[in-house]
Structure formats: structure tokens, C-alpha cells
Amino acid sequence: MQTAAYLILNTGDILEGKFLHQQVVIEGEVVFNTSMMGYQEVMTDPSYEGQLVTMTYPLIGNYGCNDDVKESEVFGAKALIIQTPNHQPDHPTSTSTLKTLAEKTSVPIIYDIDTRHLTKIIRTHSNVFGKISSDPTDKVTMAHIDPDLVKKVSVKKSISIPAKDNKDVHLAVIDFGQKKSIVDVLNQAGAHITVCPYNTTKEMLDQLDVDGVVFSNGPGDPADCLPLIPTVKKIADHYPSFGICLGHQLLALSYGMSTKKLAYGHRGGNHAVKSIETGKVYMTSQNHGYVVCEDSVTDDFSVLFINVNDQSIEGLKHKSKPITSVQFHPEAHPGPTDTMHLIYDFVRDVTKKEVYSHA
């Protein structure tokens, strides 16, 4: 018999479900993801550190799990909240079930939750925090996001990944919580990669003799990273730079812009963004709760992309320096591959040692 699991929210709501594999007591920010697939990537994506993630698609585990798609070895969602688990997945690459993955990663999963109702609660209230417990009388004590999430998920020392061919380009990925798939796509595009800790300085990059820098995605509030901003600015002033998600926000902060919290964030693989330069609309994968404030964009930057649904900023480009950033995830793992060319363009243009531009 499965143990009853209760999701207790700071809104006063209590939702009842069951523990999939082990009974836990755990707290975190409650968010939702609208992707129809990608549960394994969510469970292992460092950007979800500290969060209890609700999958809005009702059937989770359909195609099983395999080690090839995990985004990190340890870090990811604090818990997964689903409606119906599949215990008999059907896919040629599947090597284990969702329950087995949960046991391996120690990510607790609760199911039989009315995820449609929960999503409506999250959309109605800002800053929803919750506790998973077997005791419905437990109280939520968490009221803010851990300010040290980036420090927690970043690598502790640099990791070198040689290029797959003979292209002469060396990129540093500053790890604020990078997904393995970002590094994989950069590597596939021909770059030698060095993944560096979040607090790497320009002087350290000089010693590594890199040609360009990618500021990675990561968890939490970009304002909690304000001590890093002078270093980000110094690096971007000297190296061709590309920012993704949190990296995009930190680049914006370093050049005098500001950020704000969205009501309930953008998380899923079906977010439409529009290119300001061409008018073309791309479908993108996204995972963030904060955005760059529209009225804070400085004269040195152009807006590259906007979100079709709420017109929030989805990309920036410096007018004279080789600095570009996007709020979405161009590596598209999981999600649509519409914007993956941005990563290949960056590697190509750094290889040419030219100031790049994206259509």
C-alpha cells in the first residue's frame, strides 16, 4: 500500500497524493512545466535546484529513462509532482522506469495529484512555496529562495572537454548551473570546452587562453548573484560572450539593466519568441522565473527577441561588442530545435575571430 503524500502550500491549499518510492519531508518553491516530455531532463537540470516541479502533462514516464539524456550527475529538481506515472514504458532506448530513476537520483516523486488544479493555484498566486509530507498538519516554513543556489550547483574545479574535430576554438562555459546538453552542442559545433566554476575571473580565463565565453543557465534569483556582476562585466568586455537564461540576465545586470520576477515563470518546450530583426517566430524551450526589465535596456543594446505571449525580453545584442544573450534554451534538450543555430553561429564566429551577429 502506497503512503499518502500531502502537498501543503503557503496559499493554504492542501493536495493529497501518494509517494512513488519513498516517504520524505521536503520544502521548496512550487513551479510548473508544460512540456509533454523531458521529465528526466527536469529531474537532473541544475536550474530546477530548490524547486518542486509540477509536470502539467498528465502521463509521465511513458518512454522510460536512459543515462544519455541526463543533464547532470546529481543536481536537479527537489521533487517532481505528477498525476499518473507509467510503470511499463515503451521505447527502444529505455533502460529503466521513472520510479527507478527517482531511486537513483533521490528525487522524490508524488503522484495522484490534481496537477491541473495545482497549476491554476500557481498561476493565481505569486511566490508559491510548498512542503511535501505524510502529515497534512505540517506547516510551510520556507518563504524565500536560497540565495546560494548557484554556488551549490556549480562545478568546484574546471573540466576540459576536447573538440570533436580540429577547429581551433576554445570556449569557457562559466557554470552557474549548466546543462550537460549545452556543453554537448557547443562541443558538437567544434569547440574545445572548459567548464569553469561560477566565480572564475578574467585573469583565470586569460591563463586558459580561451577565445570566447558562454555564461550558462542556472537556478534562483539573478539579484542573488550581484557580487559576481563586476567579474561578468570584465569578462564580457574582453571576450566574445554568449549568455543563456541566467547567463543572459547576469550579462544584462552587468551592463546596467535590471531584472524582475515573473508571476509564475516560463517553463516548457512550447514558448514562442519573435525575432525583432526578421519578424520570424521560433518555438523555444524555456525554464526561468525572472526576466530583464523592458524599460531598463540601455542604449548600448538592441532587443533581439521578445516573447509572443507577454512581450517580455527574450534576447539582447550589444551594438558594438560581440555580446549576445538569450532568455530561452537554444540547445533544445528537450524541446524544439528552432534556435539551435544560435549556438553554432556563436562557435563559427568566434572561430573566425569576428564580431558576430544573429539574424
Foldseek 3Di string as FASTA:
>chain_A
DFFKKWKQKPVRDIWIFTWPADFDKDKAWEAEFAALDDPQQQQQFQQQARYAYEYLNAEYFQAADDPPQHFDQAHHHQAYEHAHYDQDHDHPRHDHTPSVSCVRRVHIYTYNTPSVVVNVVLLVFFRMMIIMHSDRVDDDPDRFGDLCSQVVQWDPAKDKDAAPDPQPAEEEEARSRATNLLVVLLSVLGYTYIYGYNQDALVNVVVVVHQAYEYHAHYDDLVSVVVNLCRLLVNQVPHQYEYEASRQQSNCVSVFWDKDFDSRDHAYAAWWKAFPVPRDIDTFGADDGMAIDPVRRDPQKDQGIATPPPRTGAKIAGPPGNYIYGNTDCSCSDHDNRRVVVSSQSSVCSSVVHRGDDD
